[in-house]
Amino acid sequence: MIITNGAVLTMDPDLPRAEAVAVKDGRIVAVGSASEVAGLAGPGTQVLDARGATVLPGFIESHMHLFIGGAELQNLQLEGCADPELLAKELTAFAAARPEAPLLVGQGPDYGIFGDTAPRLVLDKILPGRPLALMAHDHHTVWANTAALEAAGVLHGLETSDGHEVVMGADGLATGTLLEPEAYSPVMRLGGQERTMLGLASGREPDLTPSAAERAIDLAHLRRGLAHAARHGITSIVNMDGNIYTLELLEELRSAGELTARVRVPFHYVPDMTPDDLQTALNMRARWSDEWLASGFVKFFMDGVIDSRTAFMKHDYPGQPGYRSHGRFSAETFAELATRIDAMGLQIAVHAIGDAAVARVLDGYAAARAANGASGLRHRIEHLELVDDADFARIAELGVVASIQPPHAPGCSGLPLEPTLSNIGRERWGDAFAWQKIAGGGAAIALASDWPVSDISILKGIHSAVTREAWVPDVPDHRFSLEAALRGYTIGGAYAERSDSYKGSLETGKVADLVILDRDIAGLSNHDAIRDVDVMTTICGGRVVYRAGE
């Protein structure tokens, strides 16, 4: 295959721009001028004319949830809905079209849509007799009606571990707000999506071996998610939840020739596990460690999110004296685990949003380095939405990769400013979503969407990265340049997953993962026009896995 007549952005510093790329047997065999590459054509060569549009390495989605996202494409999409009347209209129509659904699920309404009223009471007025749940866009909160709470057995409360909570009202009944997976999993189980959530909620395997019919449903979820990713130019996925079951399903798709992206899946370590459970992480790495399916890393959650005030902070939340939330692992426990995992040769990725959570993770990585030396494993922190001023420099000093999600910044991609900014507090805005303070310190950057928390579109993510505006004049400009954003979704992502030796740039010998856009993105006169750019063709392993119009 030859891709020619393109504005090729290679991400290779030795040859940053080219016109054509030649592919054979799933690898890149030449990058150069159109005339140079044309000389390699033979009678069986497929020639793709880019028509002057940008050709890039296939996008690397460094933080997403493939299994969950594929399943949730079937749910009612309520992205940012803040109007109770519109919510009622959408839910009523959705329910009428699905009379047999055991649980009706909506995705992503605005956090403030219920005001000061208990969510179950609002939802009861809309659908009083059928189980109904709304998943917050960040997947850290679910709101449910009385029918769902009763059917799930949590109307009168549920004992959970720290950081997870069925919020109770003064009347002794659940308000309908369910914080974190342990609290909301019983409700989500009503709709049959619990297997998709296991890698996030518990890191464990299904209690019962899924039946052939259940397995078929789960395979369909993954196919749907992979097709959605291919549509957006994604050729590599770092899944940020996982278990063996997820990898076995992906292996089945690979055997059938249906795997359209390279996928890396972690072992998810949760607080009720013991260090002995890390053997599963080693087993996963032993079974899956090639260019298409791999494990080899351990995922943690150190805290929750700012919007629900479950992010672990160094300062009190505004209006709540003494309340800062807490870390899901103590400083001592995490340092011991990080040291052990680092010694095993496994990479670590930790969700840390509040500044206290970020500091605790950095302390753990420092302990691992002190005990084991510099491992070069490129341990990661996911999100880093608020960082203490004293910790910015430590990110780079410890060799930590900063995994950032541009659409998460308030004001980007239609995301409202509230309640995030108020929960951070005005005096801390300068250290919030401080992308350039992180990058300026020399930290390696990988960019991602966190789909289905945010829209999967890499191009929307790039638009957010380069057009983000400061909330007020005295908050620094933290936007990325277009070049930096493109690197964050290509070679930066490859570096973060330690695969930059064979992907992430268009160089001879690397895997033939490419995306062709519908115009020259670098030639646009206005960054706002990026929102109109689309993916024309996605190529993974030398095979066209998406072509617009087909």
Protein backbone atom coordinates (compact mmCIF):
# COMPACT_ATOMS: atom_id res chain seq x y z
CA MET A 1 0.00 0.00 0.00
CA ILE A 2 1.15 3.54 -0.77
CA ILE A 3 -0.39 6.64 0.78
CA THR A 4 0.62 9.56 -1.41
CA ASN A 5 -0.03 13.26 -2.07
CA GLY A 6 -0.30 13.93 1.65
CA ALA A 7 0.80 16.54 4.12
CA VAL A 8 2.56 13.85 6.13
CA LEU A 9 3.43 14.79 9.72
CA THR A 10 5.71 11.94 10.74
CA MET A 11 6.53 12.82 14.39
CA ASP A 12 10.09 11.81 13.44
CA PRO A 13 12.46 14.71 14.26
CA ASP A 14 14.88 13.58 11.55
CA LEU A 15 12.20 13.84 8.85
CA PRO A 16 9.25 15.78 10.30
CA ARG A 17 7.39 16.19 6.99
CA ALA A 18 6.94 14.04 3.94
CA GLU A 19 4.54 13.45 1.05
CA ALA A 20 4.11 9.70 0.94
CA VAL A 21 4.37 6.50 2.96
CA ALA A 22 4.79 2.93 1.71
CA VAL A 23 3.51 -0.07 3.66
CA LYS A 24 4.19 -3.78 3.28
CA ASP A 25 3.32 -6.72 5.53
CA GLY A 26 2.03 -4.45 8.25
CA ARG A 27 5.18 -2.32 8.55
CA ILE A 28 6.31 0.99 7.10
CA VAL A 29 8.92 0.41 4.40
CA ALA A 30 9.46 3.96 3.15
CA VAL A 31 8.67 7.57 4.02
CA GLY A 32 9.58 10.40 1.66
CA SER A 33 8.57 12.38 -1.39
CA ALA A 34 5.75 11.24 -3.64
CA SER A 35 8.17 10.51 -6.46
CA GLU A 36 10.54 8.50 -4.27
CA VAL A 37 7.81 6.33 -2.82
CA ALA A 38 6.01 5.88 -6.16
CA GLY A 39 9.02 3.97 -7.41
CA LEU A 40 8.22 1.15 -4.99
CA ALA A 41 4.80 0.43 -6.50
CA GLY A 42 4.14 -2.92 -8.10
CA PRO A 43 1.17 -4.42 -9.93
CA GLY A 44 -0.61 -5.32 -6.67
CA THR A 45 -0.02 -2.03 -4.86
CA GLN A 46 -3.04 -0.24 -3.45
CA VAL A 47 -2.59 3.52 -3.79
CA LEU A 48 -4.47 5.89 -1.49
CA ASP A 49 -4.52 9.54 -2.56
CA ALA A 50 -4.59 11.80 0.50
CA ARG A 51 -5.50 14.78 -1.73
CA GLY A 52 -3.23 17.14 0.19
CA ALA A 53 -4.73 16.29 3.57
CA THR A 54 -2.79 15.50 6.73
CA VAL A 55 -1.44 12.00 7.20
CA LEU A 56 -0.41 11.14 10.77
CA PRO A 57 0.62 8.14 12.85
CA GLY A 58 -2.51 6.40 14.04
CA PHE A 59 -3.88 8.12 17.12
CA ILE A 60 -2.95 6.55 20.45
CA GLU A 61 -5.76 6.86 22.97
CA SER A 62 -3.77 6.80 26.20
CA HIS A 63 -6.67 6.59 28.65
CA MET A 64 -10.08 5.15 27.85
CA HIS A 65 -12.56 2.44 28.82
CA LEU A 66 -13.30 0.37 25.73
CA PHE A 67 -15.60 -2.29 27.17
CA ILE A 68 -17.70 0.19 29.16
CA GLY A 69 -17.83 2.69 26.31
CA GLY A 70 -18.93 0.09 23.79
CA ALA A 71 -21.79 -0.96 26.04
CA GLU A 72 -22.84 2.60 26.83
CA LEU A 73 -23.24 3.54 23.20
CA GLN A 74 -26.64 1.85 23.57
CA ASN A 75 -27.71 4.11 26.45
CA LEU A 76 -29.53 7.43 26.24
CA GLN A 77 -26.93 10.12 25.57
CA LEU A 78 -27.62 13.16 27.74
CA GLU A 79 -24.30 14.93 27.40
CA GLY A 80 -24.34 18.06 29.55
CA CYS A 81 -28.14 18.16 29.84
CA ALA A 82 -28.97 20.75 32.51
CA ASP A 83 -32.68 21.29 31.77
CA PRO A 84 -35.01 19.16 33.94
CA GLU A 85 -37.85 19.47 31.42
CA LEU A 86 -35.63 18.26 28.57
CA LEU A 87 -34.38 15.44 30.79
CA ALA A 88 -37.94 14.33 31.47
CA LYS A 89 -38.86 14.48 27.78
CA GLU A 90 -35.81 12.48 26.68
CA LEU A 91 -36.19 9.83 29.38
CA THR A 92 -39.90 9.37 28.77
CA ALA A 93 -39.36 8.79 25.05
CA PHE A 94 -36.41 6.49 25.70
CA ALA A 95 -38.45 4.40 28.13
CA ALA A 96 -41.45 4.17 25.78
CA ALA A 97 -39.23 2.72 23.06
CA ARG A 98 -37.87 0.07 25.45
CA PRO A 99 -40.85 -1.40 27.32
CA GLU A 100 -38.99 -4.58 28.31
CA ALA A 101 -35.69 -3.02 29.49
CA PRO A 102 -34.97 -4.06 33.12
CA LEU A 103 -32.99 -0.84 33.70
CA LEU A 104 -33.09 2.40 31.75
CA VAL A 105 -29.74 4.18 31.68
CA GLY A 106 -28.92 7.74 30.69
CA GLN A 107 -25.39 9.05 30.20
CA GLY A 108 -23.79 12.29 31.22
CA PRO A 109 -26.32 14.87 32.48
CA ASP A 110 -25.00 17.99 34.17
CA TYR A 111 -23.98 17.52 37.80
CA GLY A 112 -26.26 20.34 38.92
CA ILE A 113 -29.46 19.16 37.25
CA PHE A 114 -31.12 18.06 40.50
CA GLY A 115 -30.41 21.25 42.42
CA ASP A 116 -31.01 20.71 46.13
CA THR A 117 -33.64 17.99 45.65
CA ALA A 118 -32.89 14.33 46.31
CA PRO A 119 -32.24 12.82 42.86
CA ARG A 120 -34.54 9.82 43.42
CA LEU A 121 -37.48 12.15 44.03
CA VAL A 122 -36.85 14.05 40.79
CA LEU A 123 -36.45 10.82 38.84
CA ASP A 124 -39.54 9.28 40.48
CA LYS A 125 -41.66 12.06 38.99
CA ILE A 126 -40.34 11.20 35.54
CA LEU A 127 -40.50 7.40 35.73
CA PRO A 128 -42.00 6.23 39.03
CA GLY A 129 -42.47 2.56 38.25
CA ARG A 130 -39.42 1.48 36.24
CA PRO A 131 -35.81 1.23 37.40
CA LEU A 132 -33.89 4.24 36.10
CA ALA A 133 -30.27 5.30 36.54
CA LEU A 134 -28.24 8.21 35.22
CA MET A 135 -24.48 7.85 34.97
CA ALA A 136 -22.48 11.05 35.51
CA HIS A 137 -20.11 11.94 32.68
CA ASP A 138 -17.08 11.13 34.86
CA HIS A 139 -18.46 7.69 35.89
CA HIS A 140 -17.89 8.42 39.56
CA THR A 141 -21.54 9.09 40.41
CA VAL A 142 -24.85 7.45 39.51
CA TRP A 143 -28.28 8.89 40.30
CA ALA A 144 -31.13 6.40 40.62
CA ASN A 145 -34.88 6.43 41.21
CA THR A 146 -36.68 4.55 43.98
CA ALA A 147 -37.58 1.59 41.76
CA ALA A 148 -33.91 1.06 40.87
CA LEU A 149 -32.73 1.47 44.47
CA GLU A 150 -35.36 -1.00 45.71
CA ALA A 151 -34.62 -3.56 43.00
CA ALA A 152 -30.89 -3.31 43.74
CA GLY A 153 -31.42 -3.64 47.49
CA VAL A 154 -29.76 -0.34 48.40
CA LEU A 155 -32.76 1.89 49.23
CA HIS A 156 -31.97 1.41 52.92
CA GLY A 157 -28.24 1.80 52.48
CA LEU A 158 -25.22 -0.37 51.74
CA GLU A 159 -21.97 -0.92 53.57
CA THR A 160 -19.06 0.07 51.33
CA SER A 161 -15.35 0.71 51.67
CA ASP A 162 -13.94 4.19 52.12
CA GLY A 163 -14.47 6.46 49.15
CA HIS A 164 -17.65 4.66 48.02
CA GLU A 165 -21.02 5.69 49.43
CA VAL A 166 -24.74 5.26 49.11
CA VAL A 167 -25.72 8.76 50.23
CA MET A 168 -28.50 8.61 52.81
CA GLY A 169 -31.18 11.19 53.55
CA ALA A 170 -32.64 12.40 56.83
CA ASP A 171 -35.59 10.06 56.25
CA GLY A 172 -33.30 7.03 56.50
CA LEU A 173 -33.61 6.27 52.79
CA ALA A 174 -31.04 6.59 50.03
CA THR A 175 -31.22 9.97 48.29
CA GLY A 176 -30.48 8.37 44.94
CA THR A 177 -26.88 9.62 44.78
CA LEU A 178 -24.46 6.71 44.56
CA LEU A 179 -20.78 7.60 44.80
CA GLU A 180 -18.19 5.34 43.16
CA PRO A 181 -18.52 1.79 41.79
CA GLU A 182 -19.15 -0.18 44.98
CA ALA A 183 -22.21 1.97 45.62
CA TYR A 184 -23.64 1.99 42.12
CA SER A 185 -22.70 -1.50 40.89
CA PRO A 186 -25.82 -3.16 42.40
CA VAL A 187 -27.99 -0.78 40.38
CA MET A 188 -26.02 -1.16 37.15
CA ARG A 189 -26.18 -4.93 37.54
CA LEU A 190 -29.94 -4.70 36.95
CA GLY A 191 -29.27 -3.76 33.32
CA GLY A 192 -26.78 -6.52 32.59
CA GLN A 193 -23.80 -4.20 32.18
CA GLU A 194 -22.04 -5.37 35.31
CA ARG A 195 -19.45 -7.47 33.44
CA THR A 196 -18.35 -4.42 31.47
CA MET A 197 -17.82 -2.60 34.78
CA LEU A 198 -15.89 -5.28 36.65
CA GLY A 199 -12.49 -4.12 35.44
CA LEU A 200 -13.28 -0.68 36.84
CA ALA A 201 -15.30 -1.57 39.93
CA SER A 202 -13.30 -4.45 41.38
CA GLY A 203 -10.58 -5.65 39.02
CA ARG A 204 -11.96 -9.15 39.56
CA GLU A 205 -13.36 -11.76 37.20
CA PRO A 206 -17.07 -12.56 36.77
CA ASP A 207 -18.38 -14.57 39.74
CA LEU A 208 -19.97 -17.05 37.36
CA THR A 209 -18.55 -18.06 34.01
CA PRO A 210 -20.56 -16.06 31.45
CA SER A 211 -22.89 -18.13 29.31
CA ALA A 212 -22.44 -18.30 25.56
CA ALA A 213 -25.25 -15.75 25.18
CA GLU A 214 -23.68 -13.39 27.71
CA ARG A 215 -20.29 -13.75 26.09
CA ALA A 216 -21.82 -12.91 22.72
CA ILE A 217 -23.31 -9.73 24.21
CA ASP A 218 -19.94 -8.75 25.62
CA LEU A 219 -18.15 -9.40 22.34
CA ALA A 220 -20.71 -7.17 20.63
CA HIS A 221 -19.94 -4.39 23.13
CA LEU A 222 -16.24 -4.61 22.29
CA ARG A 223 -16.86 -4.73 18.53
CA ARG A 224 -19.05 -1.64 18.86
CA GLY A 225 -16.37 0.16 20.86
CA LEU A 226 -13.59 -0.81 18.45
CA ALA A 227 -15.59 0.38 15.45
CA HIS A 228 -16.26 3.67 17.22
CA ALA A 229 -12.54 4.06 17.92
CA ALA A 230 -11.57 3.26 14.32
CA ARG A 231 -14.06 5.86 13.10
CA HIS A 232 -12.03 8.42 15.03
CA GLY A 233 -8.59 7.39 13.80
CA ILE A 234 -7.60 5.45 16.91
CA THR A 235 -5.22 2.56 16.29
CA SER A 236 -3.92 2.02 19.84
CA ILE A 237 -5.89 1.94 23.09
CA VAL A 238 -4.61 2.01 26.64
CA ASN A 239 -7.58 0.69 28.56
CA MET A 240 -7.70 2.05 32.08
CA ASP A 241 -9.69 -0.74 33.63
CA GLY A 242 -9.29 -4.42 33.16
CA ASN A 243 -9.25 -8.05 34.11
CA ILE A 244 -8.44 -11.36 32.45
CA TYR A 245 -11.96 -11.68 31.05
CA THR A 246 -11.56 -8.47 29.02
CA LEU A 247 -8.32 -9.73 27.50
CA GLU A 248 -9.83 -13.13 26.71
CA LEU A 249 -12.65 -11.45 24.81
CA LEU A 250 -10.16 -9.31 22.89
CA GLU A 251 -8.13 -12.42 22.14
CA GLU A 252 -11.24 -14.03 20.67
CA LEU A 253 -11.77 -11.00 18.44
CA ARG A 254 -8.15 -11.14 17.34
CA SER A 255 -8.48 -14.82 16.43
CA ALA A 256 -11.50 -13.94 14.30
CA GLY A 257 -9.62 -11.11 12.54
CA GLU A 258 -11.84 -8.50 14.19
CA LEU A 259 -9.31 -6.66 16.34
CA THR A 260 -8.98 -3.24 14.69
CA ALA A 261 -6.73 -1.56 17.26
CA ARG A 262 -3.85 -2.52 19.50
CA VAL A 263 -5.05 -2.74 23.10
CA ARG A 264 -3.22 -2.64 26.42
CA VAL A 265 -5.18 -3.76 29.50
CA PRO A 266 -4.07 -3.38 33.14
CA PHE A 267 -4.48 -5.37 36.27
CA HIS A 268 -6.64 -3.13 38.48
CA TYR A 269 -5.52 -3.22 42.11
CA VAL A 270 -8.23 -2.16 44.57
CA PRO A 271 -7.99 -1.53 48.33
CA ASP A 272 -9.45 -4.88 49.42
CA MET A 273 -6.71 -6.80 47.60
CA THR A 274 -3.45 -8.00 49.12
CA PRO A 275 0.03 -7.98 47.59
CA ASP A 276 -0.42 -11.66 46.74
CA ASP A 277 -3.03 -10.58 44.19
CA LEU A 278 -0.24 -9.02 42.14
CA GLN A 279 0.57 -12.48 40.87
CA THR A 280 -2.41 -12.02 38.58
CA ALA A 281 -0.70 -8.99 37.06
CA LEU A 282 2.36 -11.12 36.32
CA ASN A 283 0.16 -13.83 34.82
CA MET A 284 -1.57 -11.30 32.58
CA ARG A 285 1.77 -9.99 31.35
CA ALA A 286 2.97 -13.52 30.65
CA ARG A 287 -0.12 -14.30 28.55
CA TRP A 288 -0.38 -10.99 26.71
CA SER A 289 2.72 -9.03 25.77
CA ASP A 290 2.86 -8.56 22.02
CA GLU A 291 2.25 -5.62 19.68
CA TRP A 292 -1.51 -6.22 19.51
CA LEU A 293 -2.57 -7.29 22.99
CA ALA A 294 -0.58 -6.52 26.10
CA SER A 295 -0.88 -6.04 29.83
CA GLY A 296 2.20 -5.34 31.91
CA PHE A 297 0.86 -2.54 34.08
CA VAL A 298 -1.10 -2.04 37.29
CA LYS A 299 -3.84 0.56 37.66
CA PHE A 300 -4.86 2.26 40.92
CA PHE A 301 -7.40 4.86 41.96
CA MET A 302 -5.98 7.19 44.61
CA ASP A 303 -9.08 9.39 44.81
CA GLY A 304 -12.34 10.39 43.17
CA VAL A 305 -13.25 13.55 41.27
CA ILE A 306 -13.62 17.25 41.98
CA ASP A 307 -17.26 17.57 40.95
CA SER A 308 -18.50 15.16 43.62
CA ARG A 309 -15.90 16.42 46.13
CA THR A 310 -14.29 13.00 46.35
CA ALA A 311 -10.92 14.21 45.01
CA PHE A 312 -8.30 14.15 47.80
CA MET A 313 -7.21 17.71 48.57
CA LYS A 314 -4.50 19.42 50.64
CA HIS A 315 -6.92 22.20 51.56
CA ASP A 316 -10.51 22.15 52.79
CA TYR A 317 -13.23 22.21 50.19
CA PRO A 318 -14.87 25.65 50.05
CA GLY A 319 -17.77 25.82 52.47
CA GLN A 320 -16.84 22.52 54.17
CA PRO A 321 -14.35 23.27 56.95
CA GLY A 322 -12.23 20.23 57.77
CA TYR A 323 -13.34 18.22 54.73
CA ARG A 324 -10.69 17.27 52.18
CA SER A 325 -11.83 13.76 51.17
CA HIS A 326 -9.08 11.13 51.52
CA GLY A 327 -6.76 8.83 49.64
CA ARG A 328 -7.95 5.33 48.92
CA PHE A 329 -4.54 3.99 49.90
CA SER A 330 -2.54 5.25 52.87
CA ALA A 331 0.84 6.80 52.13
CA GLU A 332 2.62 3.79 53.65
CA THR A 333 0.53 1.21 51.82
CA PHE A 334 0.93 2.86 48.44
CA ALA A 335 4.67 3.35 48.88
CA GLU A 336 5.06 -0.34 49.73
CA LEU A 337 2.94 -1.41 46.77
CA ALA A 338 4.71 0.93 44.35
CA THR A 339 8.08 -0.38 45.49
CA ARG A 340 6.99 -4.00 45.09
CA ILE A 341 5.36 -3.49 41.68
CA ASP A 342 8.32 -1.49 40.38
CA ALA A 343 10.64 -4.33 41.44
CA MET A 344 8.44 -6.75 39.47
CA GLY A 345 9.11 -4.75 36.32
CA LEU A 346 5.50 -3.69 35.97
CA GLN A 347 4.47 -0.17 35.05
CA ILE A 348 2.09 1.71 37.38
CA ALA A 349 -0.71 4.08 36.39
CA VAL A 350 -2.64 5.94 39.09
CA HIS A 351 -5.78 8.03 38.86
CA ALA A 352 -4.95 11.08 40.98
CA ILE A 353 -6.98 14.27 40.60
CA GLY A 354 -6.65 16.24 43.85
CA ASP A 355 -3.33 17.78 44.87
CA ALA A 356 -3.04 15.58 47.97
CA ALA A 357 -3.61 12.48 45.82
CA VAL A 358 -0.96 13.59 43.32
CA ALA A 359 1.52 14.22 46.14
CA ARG A 360 0.88 10.81 47.68
CA VAL A 361 1.47 9.06 44.36
CA LEU A 362 4.68 11.00 43.77
CA ASP A 363 5.83 10.07 47.27
CA GLY A 364 5.19 6.42 46.46
CA TYR A 365 7.14 6.64 43.23
CA ALA A 366 9.99 8.34 45.08
CA ALA A 367 10.03 5.48 47.61
CA ALA A 368 10.19 2.95 44.77
CA ARG A 369 13.11 4.80 43.21
CA ALA A 370 14.93 5.03 46.54
CA ALA A 371 14.56 1.29 47.05
CA ASN A 372 15.09 0.00 43.51
CA GLY A 373 16.91 2.73 41.63
CA ALA A 374 15.61 4.36 38.47
CA SER A 375 13.67 1.59 36.74
CA GLY A 376 12.82 3.38 33.50
CA LEU A 377 9.30 1.92 33.68
CA ARG A 378 7.71 5.33 33.04
CA HIS A 379 5.17 5.18 35.81
CA ARG A 380 2.18 7.39 35.15
CA ILE A 381 -0.27 9.69 36.85
CA GLU A 382 -3.67 9.99 35.22
CA HIS A 383 -5.47 13.37 35.18
CA LEU A 384 -3.43 15.59 37.59
CA GLU A 385 -6.23 18.15 37.68
CA LEU A 386 -4.88 19.98 40.73
CA VAL A 387 -1.19 19.93 41.63
CA ASP A 388 0.48 21.60 44.59
CA ASP A 389 3.04 24.17 43.52
CA ALA A 390 5.79 22.19 45.25
CA ASP A 391 5.03 19.07 43.22
CA PHE A 392 5.17 20.28 39.61
CA ALA A 393 8.94 19.84 39.35
CA ARG A 394 8.83 16.38 40.98
CA ILE A 395 6.80 14.94 38.13
CA ALA A 396 9.67 15.25 35.68
CA GLU A 397 12.37 14.61 38.28
CA LEU A 398 10.87 11.19 39.01
CA GLY A 399 10.42 10.35 35.32
CA VAL A 400 6.64 10.26 35.69
CA VAL A 401 4.45 10.50 32.60
CA ALA A 402 1.63 13.02 32.87
CA SER A 403 -1.50 11.55 31.27
CA ILE A 404 -3.77 14.53 30.57
CA GLN A 405 -7.32 14.69 29.20
CA PRO A 406 -7.85 18.06 27.46
CA PRO A 407 -11.68 17.75 27.29
CA HIS A 408 -11.81 17.54 31.10
CA ALA A 409 -10.81 21.16 31.66
CA PRO A 410 -13.83 23.29 32.62
CA GLY A 411 -14.97 25.26 29.60
CA CYS A 412 -13.56 22.79 27.07
CA SER A 413 -15.73 20.69 24.76
CA GLY A 414 -18.88 22.27 26.17
CA LEU A 415 -18.03 21.26 29.74
CA PRO A 416 -19.51 23.74 32.23
CA LEU A 417 -17.28 25.68 34.60
CA GLU A 418 -19.36 24.65 37.60
CA PRO A 419 -19.31 22.95 40.00
CA THR A 420 -15.62 22.29 39.30
CA LEU A 421 -14.26 25.80 39.78
CA SER A 422 -16.20 26.44 42.97
CA ASN A 423 -15.09 23.10 44.40
CA ILE A 424 -11.45 23.93 43.66
CA GLY A 425 -11.65 27.39 45.23
CA ARG A 426 -10.67 30.67 43.60
CA GLU A 427 -7.24 30.84 45.22
CA ARG A 428 -6.23 27.50 43.65
CA TRP A 429 -7.28 28.09 40.03
CA GLY A 430 -3.72 28.83 38.96
CA ASP A 431 -2.65 25.26 39.83
CA ALA A 432 -5.72 23.58 38.32
CA PHE A 433 -5.51 21.85 34.94
CA ALA A 434 -2.09 23.51 34.76
CA TRP A 435 -0.89 21.82 31.60
CA GLN A 436 1.94 24.19 30.82
CA LYS A 437 3.30 24.13 34.37
CA ILE A 438 3.49 20.35 34.04
CA ALA A 439 4.97 20.38 30.54
CA GLY A 440 7.27 23.30 31.35
CA GLY A 441 8.89 21.25 34.08
CA GLY A 442 9.98 18.72 31.50
CA ALA A 443 7.43 16.00 32.13
CA ALA A 444 6.54 13.62 29.33
CA ILE A 445 2.97 14.25 28.16
CA ALA A 446 0.37 11.82 26.83
CA LEU A 447 -3.08 13.12 25.84
CA ALA A 448 -6.34 11.22 25.94
CA SER A 449 -10.13 11.46 26.12
CA ASP A 450 -11.04 9.09 28.98
CA TRP A 451 -13.95 7.92 26.80
CA PRO A 452 -16.78 7.43 27.64
CA VAL A 453 -16.20 10.10 30.30
CA SER A 454 -15.55 12.51 27.40
CA ASP A 455 -16.21 12.31 23.69
CA ILE A 456 -13.88 9.79 22.04
CA SER A 457 -13.02 12.21 19.21
CA ILE A 458 -9.28 12.87 19.13
CA LEU A 459 -9.90 15.90 16.94
CA LYS A 460 -12.24 17.38 19.56
CA GLY A 461 -9.53 16.67 22.10
CA ILE A 462 -6.97 18.48 19.96
CA HIS A 463 -9.37 21.39 19.60
CA SER A 464 -9.73 21.56 23.40
CA ALA A 465 -5.97 21.35 23.85
CA VAL A 466 -5.17 24.26 21.53
CA THR A 467 -8.15 26.59 22.08
CA ARG A 468 -8.72 26.38 25.84
CA GLU A 469 -9.24 29.84 27.30
CA ALA A 470 -8.20 31.04 30.75
CA TRP A 471 -11.17 31.29 33.12
CA VAL A 472 -10.11 34.75 34.30
CA PRO A 473 -7.30 37.07 33.15
CA ASP A 474 -4.95 36.26 36.04
CA VAL A 475 -5.02 32.49 35.39
CA PRO A 476 -2.17 31.49 33.04
CA ASP A 477 -2.73 30.32 29.47
CA HIS A 478 -2.26 26.56 29.60
CA ARG A 479 -3.18 25.63 26.03
CA PHE A 480 -0.90 23.40 23.94
CA SER A 481 0.51 24.28 20.55
CA LEU A 482 -0.92 22.23 17.69
CA GLU A 483 2.39 20.40 17.30
CA ALA A 484 2.47 19.52 21.00
CA ALA A 485 -1.13 18.32 20.90
CA LEU A 486 -0.50 16.10 17.90
CA ARG A 487 2.58 14.67 19.59
CA GLY A 488 0.56 14.01 22.73
CA TYR A 489 -1.85 11.82 20.78
CA THR A 490 0.87 9.98 18.81
CA ILE A 491 4.50 9.61 19.85
CA GLY A 492 3.73 10.94 23.34
CA GLY A 493 1.19 8.18 23.82
CA ALA A 494 3.65 5.59 22.53
CA TYR A 495 6.31 6.83 24.94
CA ALA A 496 3.83 6.62 27.82
CA GLU A 497 3.05 2.99 27.11
CA ARG A 498 6.73 2.19 26.40
CA SER A 499 6.03 1.22 22.79
CA ASP A 500 7.77 4.13 21.05
CA SER A 501 10.39 1.75 19.65
CA TYR A 502 7.82 0.38 17.20
CA LYS A 503 4.97 2.86 16.92
CA GLY A 504 3.90 6.46 17.44
CA SER A 505 5.76 7.92 14.45
CA LEU A 506 5.96 7.23 10.72
CA GLU A 507 9.41 5.73 10.33
CA THR A 508 10.76 2.83 8.33
CA GLY A 509 10.39 -0.39 10.30
CA LYS A 510 7.60 0.81 12.57
CA VAL A 511 4.09 -0.62 12.48
CA ALA A 512 1.85 0.65 9.70
CA ASP A 513 -0.69 2.51 11.83
CA LEU A 514 -1.87 5.69 10.11
CA VAL A 515 -4.75 8.11 9.98
CA ILE A 516 -5.69 10.29 6.99
CA LEU A 517 -7.69 13.43 7.73
CA ASP A 518 -9.98 15.27 5.32
CA ARG A 519 -7.79 18.40 5.13
CA ASP A 520 -4.40 19.79 6.07
CA ILE A 521 -4.78 20.43 9.79
CA ALA A 522 -1.48 22.31 10.06
CA GLY A 523 -2.54 24.63 7.26
CA LEU A 524 -5.71 25.86 8.95
CA SER A 525 -5.69 29.61 9.54
CA ASN A 526 -7.83 29.33 12.67
CA HIS A 527 -7.62 26.67 15.37
CA ASP A 528 -11.39 26.83 15.82
CA ALA A 529 -11.64 25.17 12.39
CA ILE A 530 -10.16 21.98 13.92
CA ARG A 531 -13.63 21.14 15.20
CA ASP A 532 -14.70 20.66 11.57
CA VAL A 533 -11.82 18.34 10.63
CA ASP A 534 -12.80 14.71 10.15
CA VAL A 535 -11.10 11.34 9.75
CA MET A 536 -11.21 9.94 6.23
CA THR A 537 -9.24 6.70 6.64
CA THR A 538 -7.82 4.68 9.52
CA ILE A 539 -5.16 2.07 8.86
CA CYS A 540 -3.98 -0.36 11.54
CA GLY A 541 -1.28 -2.92 10.88
CA GLY A 542 -1.39 -2.05 7.19
CA ARG A 543 -5.11 -2.82 6.94
CA VAL A 544 -7.80 -0.23 6.30
CA VAL A 545 -10.14 -0.53 9.30
CA TYR A 546 -12.24 2.56 8.60
CA ARG A 547 -13.00 4.54 5.46
CA ALA A 548 -15.46 7.43 5.49
CA GLY A 549 -18.63 6.67 3.59
CA GLU A 550 -18.32 2.90 3.81
